[in-house]
Amino acid sequence: MNLYERFVSLHNGNGNDIIYYSNNRINPIENTGKSWEFILNYFKLGRKEKAFYLKFIDEHKEKGKHVHSVSMYYLGCLIKDLINDELAS
């Protein structure tokens, strides 16, 4: 399974844990244009909308960094699963 397939699998709930705030039905892996919507929804589900009042958020979005943020999120989920598997053995 390649990295893209692993990310899709994680998004579909196939990890050691159900992905944090799993009610976020927006799939930014199959459609990177949905990355910003995914991030907004993720923070709203966690009631952390105030994070969007930070000054750098607009610049982050304008430069397209939100797509990379989503990739890092999923990569972190994969690493967490790997560490959990290793610690369990």
Protein backbone atom coordinates (compact mmCIF):
# COMPACT_ATOMS: atom_id res chain seq x y z
CA MET A 1 0.00 0.00 0.00
CA ASN A 2 1.48 3.38 -0.97
CA LEU A 3 1.33 6.54 1.17
CA TYR A 4 -1.69 7.95 -0.65
CA GLU A 5 -3.60 4.69 -0.13
CA ARG A 6 -2.65 4.72 3.56
CA PHE A 7 -3.95 8.28 3.94
CA VAL A 8 -7.24 7.32 2.26
CA SER A 9 -7.47 4.27 4.51
CA LEU A 10 -6.91 6.43 7.60
CA HIS A 11 -9.54 8.88 6.46
CA ASN A 12 -11.98 5.99 6.15
CA GLY A 13 -11.34 5.05 9.79
CA ASN A 14 -8.86 2.22 9.26
CA GLY A 15 -6.26 3.02 11.90
CA ASN A 16 -5.58 1.92 15.45
CA ASP A 17 -8.01 4.60 16.56
CA ILE A 18 -10.84 6.30 14.78
CA ILE A 19 -9.37 9.50 13.39
CA TYR A 20 -9.69 12.47 15.76
CA TYR A 21 -13.01 14.25 15.27
CA SER A 22 -14.17 11.51 12.93
CA ASN A 23 -17.38 13.39 12.16
CA ASN A 24 -15.34 15.44 9.71
CA ARG A 25 -16.68 13.91 6.50
CA ILE A 26 -14.68 16.20 4.21
CA ASN A 27 -12.01 14.19 2.39
CA PRO A 28 -8.98 16.39 1.67
CA ILE A 29 -6.92 13.43 0.45
CA GLU A 30 -8.99 12.66 -2.63
CA ASN A 31 -9.68 16.35 -3.26
CA THR A 32 -6.94 18.71 -2.04
CA GLY A 33 -9.23 21.62 -2.88
CA LYS A 34 -11.16 20.63 0.24
CA SER A 35 -8.11 21.01 2.53
CA TRP A 36 -9.11 24.39 3.93
CA GLU A 37 -12.69 23.22 4.49
CA PHE A 38 -11.34 20.12 6.29
CA ILE A 39 -9.19 22.27 8.60
CA LEU A 40 -12.06 24.65 9.38
CA ASN A 41 -14.42 21.79 10.13
CA TYR A 42 -11.79 20.01 12.24
CA PHE A 43 -11.33 23.07 14.46
CA LYS A 44 -15.07 23.73 14.66
CA LEU A 45 -15.75 20.14 15.77
CA GLY A 46 -13.16 20.62 18.52
CA ARG A 47 -14.63 24.02 19.42
CA LYS A 48 -11.29 25.67 18.69
CA GLU A 49 -12.47 28.25 16.15
CA LYS A 50 -10.54 30.98 17.96
CA ALA A 51 -7.39 29.60 16.35
CA PHE A 52 -8.53 31.31 13.16
CA TYR A 53 -8.17 34.73 14.79
CA LEU A 54 -4.38 34.38 14.68
CA LYS A 55 -2.67 36.79 12.30
CA PHE A 56 -0.78 34.19 10.26
CA ILE A 57 -3.85 32.15 9.29
CA ASP A 58 -4.73 34.23 6.22
CA GLU A 59 -1.14 34.13 4.99
CA HIS A 60 -1.03 30.38 5.62
CA LYS A 61 -4.11 29.91 3.45
CA GLU A 62 -3.01 32.33 0.70
CA LYS A 63 0.30 30.52 0.27
CA GLY A 64 -1.43 27.14 -0.04
CA LYS A 65 0.15 25.80 3.14
CA HIS A 66 -3.15 24.27 4.24
CA VAL A 67 -2.70 21.38 1.80
CA HIS A 68 0.64 20.58 3.45
CA SER A 69 -0.90 20.94 6.92
CA VAL A 70 -3.44 18.26 6.07
CA SER A 71 -0.71 15.98 4.71
CA MET A 72 1.27 16.42 7.93
CA TYR A 73 -1.85 15.64 9.96
CA TYR A 74 -2.32 12.31 8.21
CA LEU A 75 1.40 11.56 8.36
CA GLY A 76 1.24 12.15 12.11
CA CYS A 77 -1.68 9.70 12.38
CA LEU A 78 0.38 7.08 10.51
CA ILE A 79 3.40 7.63 12.75
CA LYS A 80 1.17 7.36 15.83
CA ASP A 81 -0.18 4.02 14.60
CA LEU A 82 3.36 2.75 13.90
CA ILE A 83 4.54 3.77 17.35
CA ASN A 84 1.50 2.23 19.02
CA ASP A 85 2.06 -1.02 17.10
CA GLU A 86 5.73 -1.09 18.06
CA LEU A 87 5.04 -0.38 21.72
CA ALA A 88 2.37 -3.08 21.81
CA SER A 89 4.76 -5.77 20.58
